[in-house]
Every structure is written in C-alpha cells, then in structure tokens.
Amino acid sequence: MSIITDNKVLVNICSGLKSKNKVTLGLLDALTAENEGHQVTLFLSI
C-alpha cells in the first residue's frame, strides 16, 4: 500500500518471506517514487 500526500510517499510492505514478489513490488514502488522526486518513507514488517 502506498500513500501520497504533499510530495511525500509512505510505502507499507507487510509480507513474510514466502511472498518475495510483494516485497519486490513494494520496493519498486518506493524507488519509482524516489526517482520522481518524492520524499519516500518505508515501513517494513513481517
């Protein structure tokens, strides 16, 4: 899940190690937002 407000992005990745694709997609979202000039915060939980 990603939340965008005032040029800030929060990416919440909540997945176990069984679903590596979800983790990869969440990190890709964060990288894309960073490349577009947003301030990115990652919240990671297992």
Protein backbone atom coordinates (compact mmCIF):
# COMPACT_ATOMS: atom_id res chain seq x y z
CA MET A 1 0.00 0.00 0.00
CA SER A 2 1.28 3.47 -0.87
CA ILE A 3 0.02 6.81 0.41
CA ILE A 4 0.98 10.07 -1.33
CA THR A 5 0.46 13.46 0.32
CA ASP A 6 2.27 16.77 -0.21
CA ASN A 7 5.10 15.20 -2.24
CA LYS A 8 5.68 12.59 0.49
CA VAL A 9 5.13 8.86 -0.06
CA LEU A 10 4.66 6.18 2.58
CA VAL A 11 5.18 2.63 1.32
CA ASN A 12 3.93 -0.03 3.73
CA ILE A 13 5.26 -3.53 2.98
CA CYS A 14 3.71 -6.19 5.17
CA SER A 15 4.67 -9.61 3.87
CA GLY A 16 6.51 -12.68 5.00
CA LEU A 17 9.43 -14.19 3.16
CA LYS A 18 7.06 -16.56 1.36
CA SER A 19 5.86 -13.79 -0.94
CA LYS A 20 9.06 -12.25 -2.28
CA ASN A 21 7.19 -10.73 -5.25
CA LYS A 22 5.14 -8.47 -2.96
CA VAL A 23 8.32 -7.23 -1.29
CA THR A 24 9.98 -6.63 -4.65
CA LEU A 25 6.96 -4.70 -6.00
CA GLY A 26 6.77 -2.55 -2.87
CA LEU A 27 10.45 -1.64 -3.16
CA LEU A 28 10.00 -0.92 -6.86
CA ASP A 29 7.14 1.46 -5.99
CA ALA A 30 9.38 3.22 -3.49
CA LEU A 31 12.23 3.51 -5.99
CA THR A 32 9.91 4.88 -8.67
CA ALA A 33 8.51 7.49 -6.28
CA GLU A 34 12.04 8.50 -5.25
CA ASN A 35 13.07 8.87 -8.90
CA GLU A 36 10.03 11.11 -9.48
CA GLY A 37 11.22 13.47 -6.74
CA HIS A 38 9.03 12.38 -3.83
CA GLN A 39 10.26 12.01 -0.26
CA VAL A 40 9.83 8.29 0.48
CA THR A 41 9.35 6.55 3.83
CA LEU A 42 9.35 2.75 4.01
CA PHE A 43 7.50 0.83 6.71
CA LEU A 44 8.57 -2.80 6.68
CA SER A 45 7.01 -5.55 8.78
CA ILE A 46 6.98 -9.31 8.60
